[in-house]
PDB file of N, CA and C in Angstrom:
ATOM      1  N   MET A   1       1.059  -1.242  -0.170  1.00  0.00           N
ATOM      2  CA  MET A   1       0.116  -0.068  -0.074  1.00  0.00           C
ATOM      3  C   MET A   1       0.740   1.236  -0.062  1.00  0.00           C
ATOM      4  N   ILE A   2       0.750   2.379  -0.815  1.00  0.00           N
ATOM      5  CA  ILE A   2       1.240   3.564  -1.056  1.00  0.00           C
ATOM      6  C   ILE A   2       1.143   4.439   0.144  1.00  0.00           C
ATOM      7  N   THR A   3       1.662   5.260   0.661  1.00  0.00           N
ATOM      8  CA  THR A   3       1.482   5.952   1.808  1.00  0.00           C
ATOM      9  C   THR A   3       0.937   7.287   1.708  1.00  0.00           C
ATOM     10  N   LYS A   4       0.478   8.021   2.330  1.00  0.00           N
ATOM     11  CA  LYS A   4      -0.059   9.462   2.402  1.00  0.00           C
ATOM     12  C   LYS A   4       1.114  10.336   1.983  1.00  0.00           C
ATOM     13  N   LYS A   5       2.222  10.152   2.704  1.00  0.00           N
ATOM     14  CA  LYS A   5       3.018  10.662   2.610  1.00  0.00           C
ATOM     15  C   LYS A   5       3.911  10.639   1.187  1.00  0.00           C
ATOM     16  N   GLN A   6       3.715   9.445   0.552  1.00  0.00           N
ATOM     17  CA  GLN A   6       4.288   8.791  -0.915  1.00  0.00           C
ATOM     18  C   GLN A   6       3.200   9.510  -1.816  1.00  0.00           C
ATOM     19  N   VAL A   7       1.947   9.551  -1.425  1.00  0.00           N
ATOM     20  CA  VAL A   7       1.523  10.518  -2.504  1.00  0.00           C
ATOM     21  C   VAL A   7       1.355  12.265  -2.450  1.00  0.00           C
ATOM     22  N   GLN A   8       1.657  12.554  -1.511  1.00  0.00           N
ATOM     23  CA  GLN A   8       1.956  13.813  -1.510  1.00  0.00           C
ATOM     24  C   GLN A   8       3.230  14.181  -1.944  1.00  0.00           C
ATOM     25  N   HIS A   9       4.161  13.358  -2.072  1.00  0.00           N
ATOM     26  CA  HIS A   9       5.354  13.509  -2.476  1.00  0.00           C
ATOM     27  C   HIS A   9       5.668  13.354  -4.246  1.00  0.00           C
ATOM     28  N   ILE A  10       4.394  12.771  -4.479  1.00  0.00           N
ATOM     29  CA  ILE A  10       4.038  12.638  -5.964  1.00  0.00           C
ATOM     30  C   ILE A  10       3.311  13.678  -6.496  1.00  0.00           C
ATOM     31  N   ALA A  11       2.888  14.310  -5.805  1.00  0.00           N
ATOM     32  CA  ALA A  11       2.132  15.632  -5.851  1.00  0.00           C
ATOM     33  C   ALA A  11       2.814  16.802  -6.349  1.00  0.00           C
ATOM     34  N   THR A  12       3.758  16.566  -5.143  1.00  0.00           N
ATOM     35  CA  THR A  12       4.659  18.001  -5.634  1.00  0.00           C
ATOM     36  C   THR A  12       5.485  18.013  -6.555  1.00  0.00           C
ATOM     37  N   LEU A  13       6.308  16.646  -6.717  1.00  0.00           N
ATOM     38  CA  LEU A  13       6.952  16.552  -7.875  1.00  0.00           C
ATOM     39  C   LEU A  13       5.726  16.997  -9.402  1.00  0.00           C
ATOM     40  N   ALA A  14       4.761  16.377  -9.636  1.00  0.00           N
ATOM     41  CA  ALA A  14       3.838  16.894 -10.294  1.00  0.00           C
ATOM     42  C   ALA A  14       3.059  18.548 -10.410  1.00  0.00           C
ATOM     43  N   ARG A  15       3.663  19.199  -9.078  1.00  0.00           N
ATOM     44  CA  ARG A  15       3.269  20.397  -9.180  1.00  0.00           C
ATOM     45  C   ARG A  15       1.970  20.407  -9.034  1.00  0.00           C
ATOM     46  N   LEU A  16       1.265  19.588  -8.042  1.00  0.00           N
ATOM     47  CA  LEU A  16      -0.121  19.567  -7.823  1.00  0.00           C
ATOM     48  C   LEU A  16      -0.585  19.804  -6.293  1.00  0.00           C
ATOM     49  N   LYS A  17      -1.733  20.425  -6.073  1.00  0.00           N
ATOM     50  CA  LYS A  17      -1.725  21.021  -4.344  1.00  0.00           C
ATOM     51  C   LYS A  17      -3.129  19.901  -4.377  1.00  0.00           C
ATOM     52  N   LEU A  18      -2.901  18.801  -3.320  1.00  0.00           N
ATOM     53  CA  LEU A  18      -3.956  17.848  -3.148  1.00  0.00           C
ATOM     54  C   LEU A  18      -4.660  18.190  -1.753  1.00  0.00           C
ATOM     55  N   THR A  19      -6.064  18.082  -1.642  1.00  0.00           N
ATOM     56  CA  THR A  19      -6.672  18.285  -0.697  1.00  0.00           C
ATOM     57  C   THR A  19      -6.791  16.745   0.335  1.00  0.00           C
ATOM     58  N   SER A  20      -7.285  16.783   1.464  1.00  0.00           N
ATOM     59  CA  SER A  20      -7.214  15.802   2.143  1.00  0.00           C
ATOM     60  C   SER A  20      -7.544  14.612   1.589  1.00  0.00           C
ATOM     61  N   ASN A  21      -9.216  14.804   0.849  1.00  0.00           N
ATOM     62  CA  ASN A  21      -9.843  13.751   0.487  1.00  0.00           C
ATOM     63  C   ASN A  21      -9.333  13.368  -0.805  1.00  0.00           C
ATOM     64  N   GLU A  22      -8.761  14.194  -1.639  1.00  0.00           N
ATOM     65  CA  GLU A  22      -8.041  13.781  -2.851  1.00  0.00           C
ATOM     66  C   GLU A  22      -6.903  12.909  -2.566  1.00  0.00           C
ATOM     67  N   SER A  23      -6.043  13.070  -1.926  1.00  0.00           N
ATOM     68  CA  SER A  23      -5.084  12.381  -1.232  1.00  0.00           C
ATOM     69  C   SER A  23      -5.350  10.888  -0.925  1.00  0.00           C
ATOM     70  N   LYS A  24      -6.097  10.698   0.031  1.00  0.00           N
ATOM     71  CA  LYS A  24      -7.012   9.693  -0.008  1.00  0.00           C
ATOM     72  C   LYS A  24      -7.709   8.754  -1.070  1.00  0.00           C
ATOM     73  N   THR A  25      -8.277   9.575  -2.023  1.00  0.00           N
ATOM     74  CA  THR A  25      -8.601   9.107  -2.767  1.00  0.00           C
ATOM     75  C   THR A  25      -7.483   8.333  -3.966  1.00  0.00           C
ATOM     76  N   TYR A  26      -6.601   9.449  -4.396  1.00  0.00           N
ATOM     77  CA  TYR A  26      -5.338   9.015  -4.788  1.00  0.00           C
ATOM     78  C   TYR A  26      -4.352   7.921  -4.221  1.00  0.00           C
ATOM     79  N   GLN A  27      -4.381   7.907  -2.859  1.00  0.00           N
ATOM     80  CA  GLN A  27      -3.578   6.731  -2.131  1.00  0.00           C
ATOM     81  C   GLN A  27      -4.363   5.597  -2.371  1.00  0.00           C
ATOM     82  N   LYS A  28      -5.629   5.294  -2.515  1.00  0.00           N
ATOM     83  CA  LYS A  28      -6.796   4.053  -3.058  1.00  0.00           C
ATOM     84  C   LYS A  28      -6.088   3.819  -4.330  1.00  0.00           C
ATOM     85  N   GLN A  29      -6.367   4.823  -5.480  1.00  0.00           N
ATOM     86  CA  GLN A  29      -6.055   4.338  -6.644  1.00  0.00           C
ATOM     87  C   GLN A  29      -4.882   3.823  -6.951  1.00  0.00           C
ATOM     88  N   LEU A  30      -3.536   4.576  -6.630  1.00  0.00           N
ATOM     89  CA  LEU A  30      -2.212   4.536  -6.754  1.00  0.00           C
ATOM     90  C   LEU A  30      -1.765   2.598  -6.002  1.00  0.00           C
ATOM     91  N   GLY A  31      -2.200   2.712  -4.904  1.00  0.00           N
ATOM     92  CA  GLY A  31      -2.366   1.407  -4.401  1.00  0.00           C
ATOM     93  C   GLY A  31      -2.948   0.501  -5.091  1.00  0.00           C
ATOM     94  N   GLU A  32      -4.086   0.294  -5.772  1.00  0.00           N
ATOM     95  CA  GLU A  32      -4.337  -0.570  -6.920  1.00  0.00           C
ATOM     96  C   GLU A  32      -3.780  -0.765  -8.011  1.00  0.00           C
ATOM     97  N   ILE A  33      -3.257   0.243  -8.538  1.00  0.00           N
ATOM     98  CA  ILE A  33      -2.234   0.552  -9.952  1.00  0.00           C
ATOM     99  C   ILE A  33      -0.972  -0.438  -9.481  1.00  0.00           C
ATOM    100  N   LEU A  34      -0.249  -0.242  -8.195  1.00  0.00           N
ATOM    101  CA  LEU A  34       0.617  -0.990  -7.700  1.00  0.00           C
ATOM    102  C   LEU A  34       0.143  -2.625  -7.828  1.00  0.00           C
ATOM    103  N   LYS A  35      -0.714  -2.671  -7.315  1.00  0.00           N
ATOM    104  CA  LYS A  35      -1.176  -3.741  -7.002  1.00  0.00           C
ATOM    105  C   LYS A  35      -1.222  -5.091  -8.346  1.00  0.00           C
ATOM    106  N   TYR A  36      -1.952  -4.132  -9.581  1.00  0.00           N
ATOM    107  CA  TYR A  36      -2.261  -4.808 -10.466  1.00  0.00           C
ATOM    108  C   TYR A  36      -0.712  -5.204 -11.168  1.00  0.00           C
ATOM    109  N   VAL A  37       0.642  -3.922 -11.179  1.00  0.00           N
ATOM    110  CA  VAL A  37       1.609  -3.994 -11.683  1.00  0.00           C
ATOM    111  C   VAL A  37       2.363  -5.113 -11.122  1.00  0.00           C
ATOM    112  N   SER A  38       2.438  -5.191 -10.041  1.00  0.00           N
ATOM    113  CA  SER A  38       2.850  -5.890  -9.232  1.00  0.00           C
ATOM    114  C   SER A  38       2.064  -7.966 -10.093  1.00  0.00           C
ATOM    115  N   GLN A  39       0.850  -8.112  -9.844  1.00  0.00           N
ATOM    116  CA  GLN A  39       0.005  -9.497 -10.509  1.00  0.00           C
ATOM    117  C   GLN A  39       1.239  -9.464 -12.100  1.00  0.00           C
ATOM    118  N   LEU A  40       1.218  -8.371 -12.785  1.00  0.00           N
ATOM    119  CA  LEU A  40       1.655  -8.539 -13.790  1.00  0.00           C
ATOM    120  C   LEU A  40       2.766  -8.899 -13.968  1.00  0.00           C
ATOM    121  N   GLN A  41       3.894  -8.524 -13.206  1.00  0.00           N
ATOM    122  CA  GLN A  41       5.221  -8.956 -13.082  1.00  0.00           C
ATOM    123  C   GLN A  41       5.478 -10.455 -12.606  1.00  0.00           C
ATOM    124  N   LYS A  42       4.403 -11.145 -12.274  1.00  0.00           N
ATOM    125  CA  LYS A  42       4.773 -12.497 -11.729  1.00  0.00           C
ATOM    126  C   LYS A  42       4.330 -13.373 -13.036  1.00  0.00           C
ATOM    127  N   ILE A  43       3.389 -12.642 -14.025  1.00  0.00           N
ATOM    128  CA  ILE A  43       3.462 -13.380 -15.758  1.00  0.00           C
ATOM    129  C   ILE A  43       4.574 -14.128 -16.076  1.00  0.00           C
ATOM    130  N   ASP A  44       4.602 -15.070 -16.305  1.00  0.00           N
ATOM    131  CA  ASP A  44       5.982 -16.163 -17.316  1.00  0.00           C
ATOM    132  C   ASP A  44       5.877 -15.508 -18.804  1.00  0.00           C
ATOM    133  N   THR A  45       6.472 -14.952 -19.259  1.00  0.00           N
ATOM    134  CA  THR A  45       6.533 -14.464 -20.483  1.00  0.00           C
ATOM    135  C   THR A  45       8.353 -14.827 -20.951  1.00  0.00           C
ATOM    136  N   LYS A  46       8.315 -15.657 -20.449  1.00  0.00           N
ATOM    137  CA  LYS A  46       9.653 -16.098 -21.268  1.00  0.00           C
ATOM    138  C   LYS A  46       9.809 -16.810 -22.707  1.00  0.00           C
ATOM    139  N   LYS A  47       8.464 -17.497 -23.031  1.00  0.00           N
ATOM    140  CA  LYS A  47       8.274 -18.191 -24.275  1.00  0.00           C
ATOM    141  C   LYS A  47       7.506 -17.533 -25.082  1.00  0.00           C
ATOM    142  N   ILE A  48       7.192 -15.773 -24.881  1.00  0.00           N
ATOM    143  CA  ILE A  48       6.595 -15.166 -25.625  1.00  0.00           C
ATOM    144  C   ILE A  48       7.299 -14.243 -26.480  1.00  0.00           C
ATOM    145  N   ALA A  49       7.654 -14.400 -27.505  1.00  0.00           N
ATOM    146  CA  ALA A  49       8.405 -13.164 -28.169  1.00  0.00           C
ATOM    147  C   ALA A  49       8.007 -12.001 -28.482  1.00  0.00           C
ATOM    148  N   PRO A  50       9.030 -10.826 -28.479  1.00  0.00           N
ATOM    149  CA  PRO A  50       8.077  -9.765 -28.612  1.00  0.00           C
ATOM    150  C   PRO A  50       7.733  -9.101 -29.635  1.00  0.00           C
ATOM    151  N   GLN A  51       6.810  -8.396 -29.742  1.00  0.00           N
ATOM    152  CA  GLN A  51       5.977  -7.511 -30.741  1.00  0.00           C
ATOM    153  C   GLN A  51       6.629  -6.461 -31.722  1.00  0.00           C
ATOM    154  N   THR A  52       7.124  -6.350 -32.512  1.00  0.00           N
ATOM    155  CA  THR A  52       7.613  -5.112 -32.638  1.00  0.00           C
ATOM    156  C   THR A  52       7.622  -4.914 -34.184  1.00  0.00           C
ATOM    157  N   GLY A  53       7.375  -3.919 -34.677  1.00  0.00           N
ATOM    158  CA  GLY A  53       7.098  -2.909 -35.781  1.00  0.00           C
ATOM    159  C   GLY A  53       6.329  -3.639 -36.367  1.00  0.00           C
ATOM    160  N   GLY A  54       5.327  -4.128 -35.682  1.00  0.00           N
ATOM    161  CA  GLY A  54       3.878  -4.565 -36.235  1.00  0.00           C
ATOM    162  C   GLY A  54       2.927  -3.800 -36.970  1.00  0.00           C
ATOM    163  N   THR A  55       3.284  -2.217 -37.012  1.00  0.00           N
ATOM    164  CA  THR A  55       2.300  -1.267 -37.645  1.00  0.00           C
ATOM    165  C   THR A  55       2.382  -0.939 -38.708  1.00  0.00           C
ATOM    166  N   GLN A  56       1.387  -0.384 -39.495  1.00  0.00           N
ATOM    167  CA  GLN A  56       1.475   0.168 -40.658  1.00  0.00           C
ATOM    168  C   GLN A  56       1.190   1.682 -40.738  1.00  0.00           C
ATOM    169  N   LEU A  57       1.306   2.041 -39.951  1.00  0.00           N
ATOM    170  CA  LEU A  57       1.528   3.656 -39.589  1.00  0.00           C
ATOM    171  C   LEU A  57       2.391   4.631 -40.539  1.00  0.00           C
ATOM    172  N   LYS A  58       2.133   5.674 -41.173  1.00  0.00           N
ATOM    173  CA  LYS A  58       2.864   6.440 -42.156  1.00  0.00           C
ATOM    174  C   LYS A  58       3.446   7.957 -41.234  1.00  0.00           C
ATOM    175  N   ASN A  59       4.343   8.401 -41.291  1.00  0.00           N
ATOM    176  CA  ASN A  59       4.148  10.288 -41.173  1.00  0.00           C
ATOM    177  C   ASN A  59       3.286  10.453 -42.033  1.00  0.00           C
ATOM    178  N   VAL A  60       2.690  11.547 -41.607  1.00  0.00           N
ATOM    179  CA  VAL A  60       1.692  12.579 -42.043  1.00  0.00           C
ATOM    180  C   VAL A  60       2.320  13.912 -42.132  1.00  0.00           C
ATOM    181  N   LEU A  61       3.138  13.983 -41.835  1.00  0.00           N
ATOM    182  CA  LEU A  61       3.754  15.508 -41.563  1.00  0.00           C
ATOM    183  C   LEU A  61       4.336  16.122 -42.782  1.00  0.00           C
ATOM    184  N   ARG A  62       4.208  17.250 -42.993  1.00  0.00           N
ATOM    185  CA  ARG A  62       4.711  17.884 -44.029  1.00  0.00           C
ATOM    186  C   ARG A  62       6.168  17.897 -44.020  1.00  0.00           C
ATOM    187  N   SER A  63       7.274  17.967 -45.154  1.00  0.00           N
ATOM    188  CA  SER A  63       8.538  18.054 -44.639  1.00  0.00           C
ATOM    189  C   SER A  63       8.816  19.281 -44.561  1.00  0.00           C
ATOM    190  N   ASP A  64      10.290  19.551 -43.698  1.00  0.00           N
ATOM    191  CA  ASP A  64      10.465  21.173 -43.570  1.00  0.00           C
ATOM    192  C   ASP A  64      11.349  21.602 -44.424  1.00  0.00           C
ATOM    193  N   THR A  65      10.485  22.642 -45.499  1.00  0.00           N
ATOM    194  CA  THR A  65      11.162  23.315 -46.698  1.00  0.00           C
ATOM    195  C   THR A  65      11.303  24.433 -46.452  1.00  0.00           C
ATOM    196  N   ALA A  66      12.294  25.305 -46.552  1.00  0.00           N
ATOM    197  CA  ALA A  66      12.480  26.529 -46.360  1.00  0.00           C
ATOM    198  C   ALA A  66      12.308  27.494 -47.731  1.00  0.00           C
ATOM    199  N   TYR A  67      11.108  28.429 -48.057  1.00  0.00           N
ATOM    200  CA  TYR A  67      10.469  29.035 -49.019  1.00  0.00           C
ATOM    201  C   TYR A  67      10.945  30.400 -49.036  1.00  0.00           C
ATOM    202  N   LYS A  68      11.432  30.522 -49.850  1.00  0.00           N
ATOM    203  CA  LYS A  68      11.872  32.026 -50.236  1.00  0.00           C
ATOM    204  C   LYS A  68      10.885  33.292 -50.107  1.00  0.00           C
ATOM    205  N   THR A  69      10.734  34.740 -49.361  1.00  0.00           N
ATOM    206  CA  THR A  69       9.920  35.155 -49.326  1.00  0.00           C
ATOM    207  C   THR A  69      10.575  36.696 -49.630  1.00  0.00           C
ATOM    208  N   SER A  70       9.210  37.796 -50.338  1.00  0.00           N
ATOM    209  CA  SER A  70      10.077  39.326 -50.557  1.00  0.00           C
ATOM    210  C   SER A  70      10.757  39.210 -49.023  1.00  0.00           C
ATOM    211  N   LYS A  71      11.550  40.659 -49.601  1.00  0.00           N
ATOM    212  CA  LYS A  71      12.161  41.882 -48.385  1.00  0.00           C
ATOM    213  C   LYS A  71      10.442  42.288 -47.682  1.00  0.00           C
ATOM    214  N   LYS A  72       9.881  42.537 -48.551  1.00  0.00           N
ATOM    215  CA  LYS A  72       8.333  43.517 -47.921  1.00  0.00           C
ATOM    216  C   LYS A  72       8.410  42.449 -46.872  1.00  0.00           C
ATOM    217  N   VAL A  73       8.136  41.112 -47.213  1.00  0.00           N
ATOM    218  CA  VAL A  73       7.160  40.214 -46.434  1.00  0.00           C
ATOM    219  C   VAL A  73       7.936  40.132 -45.016  1.00  0.00           C
ATOM    220  N   ARG A  74       9.411  39.741 -45.138  1.00  0.00           N
ATOM    221  CA  ARG A  74      10.187  39.557 -44.067  1.00  0.00           C
ATOM    222  C   ARG A  74      10.470  41.000 -43.561  1.00  0.00           C
ATOM    223  N   GLU A  75      10.385  41.733 -43.717  1.00  0.00           N
ATOM    224  CA  GLU A  75      10.872  42.873 -42.792  1.00  0.00           C
ATOM    225  C   GLU A  75       9.452  43.142 -41.714  1.00  0.00           C
ATOM    226  N   LYS A  76       8.367  42.886 -42.631  1.00  0.00           N
ATOM    227  CA  LYS A  76       6.967  43.099 -41.958  1.00  0.00           C
ATOM    228  C   LYS A  76       6.775  42.259 -41.071  1.00  0.00           C
ATOM    229  N   LEU A  77       7.065  41.128 -41.245  1.00  0.00           N
ATOM    230  CA  LEU A  77       7.082  40.069 -40.188  1.00  0.00           C
ATOM    231  C   LEU A  77       8.239  40.606 -38.826  1.00  0.00           C
ATOM    232  N   LEU A  78       9.718  40.545 -39.343  1.00  0.00           N
ATOM    233  CA  LEU A  78      10.453  41.036 -38.265  1.00  0.00           C
ATOM    234  C   LEU A  78      10.064  42.340 -37.655  1.00  0.00           C
ATOM    235  N   GLN A  79       8.674  43.007 -38.292  1.00  0.00           N
ATOM    236  CA  GLN A  79       8.463  44.487 -37.475  1.00  0.00           C
ATOM    237  C   GLN A  79       7.417  44.182 -36.643  1.00  0.00           C
ATOM    238  N   SER A  80       6.913  42.919 -36.624  1.00  0.00           N
ATOM    239  CA  SER A  80       5.733  42.497 -35.867  1.00  0.00           C
ATOM    240  C   SER A  80       6.710  41.854 -34.582  1.00  0.00           C
ATOM    241  N   ALA A  81       7.608  41.180 -34.516  1.00  0.00           N
ATOM    242  CA  ALA A  81       8.377  40.704 -33.491  1.00  0.00           C
ATOM    243  C   ALA A  81       8.410  41.606 -32.495  1.00  0.00           C
ATOM    244  N   PRO A  82       8.584  41.086 -30.950  1.00  0.00           N
ATOM    245  CA  PRO A  82       8.657  42.002 -30.470  1.00  0.00           C
ATOM    246  C   PRO A  82      10.102  42.140 -29.574  1.00  0.00           C
ATOM    247  N   SER A  83      10.944  41.478 -30.452  1.00  0.00           N
ATOM    248  CA  SER A  83      12.523  41.863 -30.316  1.00  0.00           C
ATOM    249  C   SER A  83      13.240  41.585 -31.410  1.00  0.00           C
ATOM    250  N   ARG A  84      14.225  41.882 -31.624  1.00  0.00           N
ATOM    251  CA  ARG A  84      14.693  41.595 -32.906  1.00  0.00           C
ATOM    252  C   ARG A  84      16.273  41.701 -32.723  1.00  0.00           C
ATOM    253  N   GLU A  85      17.155  41.187 -33.676  1.00  0.00           N
ATOM    254  CA  GLU A  85      18.613  41.368 -33.870  1.00  0.00           C
ATOM    255  C   GLU A  85      18.867  41.353 -35.288  1.00  0.00           C
ATOM    256  N   GLY A  86      18.986  41.886 -35.975  1.00  0.00           N
ATOM    257  CA  GLY A  86      19.530  42.223 -37.236  1.00  0.00           C
ATOM    258  C   GLY A  86      18.246  41.926 -37.896  1.00  0.00           C
ATOM    259  N   ASP A  87      18.422  40.505 -38.786  1.00  0.00           N
ATOM    260  CA  ASP A  87      17.287  39.593 -39.431  1.00  0.00           C
ATOM    261  C   ASP A  87      16.900  38.839 -38.577  1.00  0.00           C
ATOM    262  N   TYR A  88      16.828  38.364 -37.427  1.00  0.00           N
ATOM    263  CA  TYR A  88      16.629  37.514 -36.870  1.00  0.00           C
ATOM    264  C   TYR A  88      15.607  38.169 -35.586  1.00  0.00           C
ATOM    265  N   ILE A  89      14.898  37.053 -35.348  1.00  0.00           N
ATOM    266  CA  ILE A  89      13.697  37.347 -33.977  1.00  0.00           C
ATOM    267  C   ILE A  89      14.592  36.865 -32.693  1.00  0.00           C
ATOM    268  N   LYS A  90      14.699  37.705 -32.170  1.00  0.00           N
ATOM    269  CA  LYS A  90      15.445  37.285 -30.763  1.00  0.00           C
ATOM    270  C   LYS A  90      14.152  36.767 -29.802  1.00  0.00           C
ATOM    271  N   THR A  91      14.187  35.703 -28.981  1.00  0.00           N
ATOM    272  CA  THR A  91      13.646  34.996 -28.278  1.00  0.00           C
ATOM    273  C   THR A  91      14.074  34.679 -27.021  1.00  0.00           C
ATOM    274  N   ARG A  92      13.313  34.301 -25.811  1.00  0.00           N
ATOM    275  CA  ARG A  92      14.122  34.481 -24.855  1.00  0.00           C
ATOM    276  C   ARG A  92      14.886  32.782 -24.401  1.00  0.00           C
ATOM    277  N   ALA A  93      16.027  32.865 -23.959  1.00  0.00           N
ATOM    278  CA  ALA A  93      16.518  31.378 -24.042  1.00  0.00           C
ATOM    279  C   ALA A  93      15.914  29.987 -23.728  1.00  0.00           C
ATOM    280  N   VAL A  94      15.861  28.787 -24.219  1.00  0.00           N
ATOM    281  CA  VAL A  94      14.857  27.944 -24.022  1.00  0.00           C
ATOM    282  C   VAL A  94      15.364  27.022 -22.857  1.00  0.00           C
ATOM    283  N   PHE A  95      16.884  26.901 -23.237  1.00  0.00           N
ATOM    284  CA  PHE A  95      17.671  26.198 -22.516  1.00  0.00           C
ATOM    285  C   PHE A  95      18.889  26.917 -21.565  1.00  0.00           C
ATOM    286  N   GLU A  96      18.829  26.787 -20.642  1.00  0.00           N
ATOM    287  CA  GLU A  96      19.690  27.627 -19.588  1.00  0.00           C
ATOM    288  C   GLU A  96      20.464  27.072 -19.027  1.00  0.00           C
ATOM    289  N   LYS A  97      21.639  27.306 -18.706  1.00  0.00           N
ATOM    290  CA  LYS A  97      22.887  26.517 -17.806  1.00  0.00           C
ATOM    291  C   LYS A  97      22.388  27.056 -16.595  1.00  0.00           C
ATOM    292  N   LYS A  98      22.257  26.134 -15.508  1.00  0.00           N
ATOM    293  CA  LYS A  98      22.310  26.282 -13.957  1.00  0.00           C
ATOM    294  C   LYS A  98      23.528  26.429 -13.458  1.00  0.00           C
TER     295      LYS A  98
END
Protein backbone atom coordinates (compact mmCIF):
# COMPACT_ATOMS: atom_id res chain seq x y z
CA MET A 1 0.00 0.00 0.00
CA ILE A 2 1.24 3.47 -0.85
CA THR A 3 1.41 5.95 2.05
CA LYS A 4 -0.09 9.43 2.24
CA LYS A 5 3.44 10.81 2.46
CA GLN A 6 4.33 9.12 -0.85
CA VAL A 7 1.17 10.51 -2.48
CA GLN A 8 2.06 14.01 -1.27
CA HIS A 9 5.61 13.56 -2.61
CA ILE A 10 4.28 12.53 -6.05
CA ALA A 11 1.88 15.48 -5.98
CA THR A 12 4.75 17.83 -5.18
CA LEU A 13 6.78 16.46 -8.09
CA ALA A 14 3.76 16.97 -10.37
CA ARG A 15 3.25 20.47 -8.90
CA LEU A 16 -0.22 19.57 -7.66
CA LYS A 17 -1.91 20.75 -4.50
CA LEU A 18 -4.14 18.00 -3.11
CA THR A 19 -6.84 18.26 -0.49
CA SER A 20 -7.01 15.63 2.22
CA ASN A 21 -9.86 13.86 0.39
CA GLU A 22 -7.98 13.91 -2.92
CA SER A 23 -4.91 12.54 -1.21
CA LYS A 24 -6.95 9.61 0.20
CA THR A 25 -8.50 8.96 -3.21
CA TYR A 26 -5.14 8.94 -4.98
CA GLN A 27 -3.63 6.79 -2.24
CA LYS A 28 -6.27 4.13 -2.93
CA GLN A 29 -6.04 4.43 -6.74
CA LEU A 30 -2.23 4.34 -6.83
CA GLY A 31 -2.26 1.36 -4.46
CA GLU A 32 -4.59 -0.51 -6.83
CA ILE A 33 -2.37 0.33 -9.81
CA LEU A 34 0.73 -0.93 -8.00
CA LYS A 35 -1.09 -4.12 -7.00
CA TYR A 36 -2.06 -4.72 -10.65
CA VAL A 37 1.52 -4.11 -11.82
CA SER A 38 2.79 -6.62 -9.25
CA GLN A 39 0.34 -9.19 -10.69
CA LEU A 40 1.66 -8.49 -14.20
CA GLN A 41 5.24 -8.97 -13.01
CA LYS A 42 4.38 -12.53 -11.89
CA ILE A 43 3.39 -13.61 -15.43
CA ASP A 44 5.93 -15.89 -17.14
CA THR A 45 6.73 -14.26 -20.49
CA LYS A 46 9.89 -16.23 -21.35
CA LYS A 47 8.20 -18.16 -24.18
CA ILE A 48 6.47 -15.12 -25.69
CA ALA A 49 8.29 -13.39 -28.54
CA PRO A 50 8.36 -9.59 -28.44
CA GLN A 51 5.96 -7.91 -30.87
CA THR A 52 7.77 -5.06 -32.59
CA GLY A 53 7.34 -3.26 -35.87
CA GLY A 54 3.86 -4.58 -36.53
CA THR A 55 2.16 -1.32 -37.45
CA GLN A 56 1.44 0.10 -40.87
CA LEU A 57 1.54 3.71 -39.66
CA LYS A 58 3.03 6.39 -41.89
CA ASN A 59 4.32 9.85 -41.06
CA VAL A 60 1.72 12.37 -42.20
CA LEU A 61 3.77 15.48 -41.40
CA ARG A 62 4.93 17.74 -44.18
CA SER A 63 8.63 18.06 -44.91
CA ASP A 64 10.43 20.98 -43.31
CA THR A 65 11.18 23.08 -46.36
CA ALA A 66 12.46 26.66 -46.42
CA TYR A 67 10.69 29.04 -48.77
CA LYS A 68 12.01 32.33 -50.08
CA THR A 69 9.92 35.39 -49.31
CA SER A 70 10.11 38.93 -50.56
CA LYS A 71 12.02 41.56 -48.60
CA LYS A 72 8.72 43.38 -47.95
CA VAL A 73 7.10 40.29 -46.32
CA ARG A 74 10.27 39.50 -44.31
CA GLU A 75 10.54 43.08 -43.02
CA LYS A 76 6.85 43.13 -42.05
CA LEU A 77 7.32 39.90 -40.08
CA LEU A 78 10.46 41.21 -38.34
CA GLN A 79 8.69 44.48 -37.42
CA SER A 80 5.86 42.54 -35.76
CA ALA A 81 8.30 40.64 -33.50
CA PRO A 82 8.64 41.97 -29.93
CA SER A 83 12.43 41.90 -30.20
CA ARG A 84 14.86 41.40 -33.04
CA GLU A 85 18.55 41.31 -33.72
CA GLY A 86 19.42 42.13 -37.31
CA ASP A 87 17.38 39.85 -39.58
CA TYR A 88 16.51 37.46 -36.74
CA ILE A 89 13.67 37.33 -34.21
CA LYS A 90 15.14 37.39 -30.71
CA THR A 91 13.53 35.08 -28.13
CA ARG A 92 14.17 34.04 -24.56
CA ALA A 93 16.63 31.20 -24.05
CA VAL A 94 14.94 27.81 -23.97
CA PHE A 95 17.82 25.90 -22.43
CA GLU A 96 19.69 27.75 -19.74
CA LYS A 97 22.76 26.65 -17.82
CA LYS A 98 22.20 26.52 -14.09
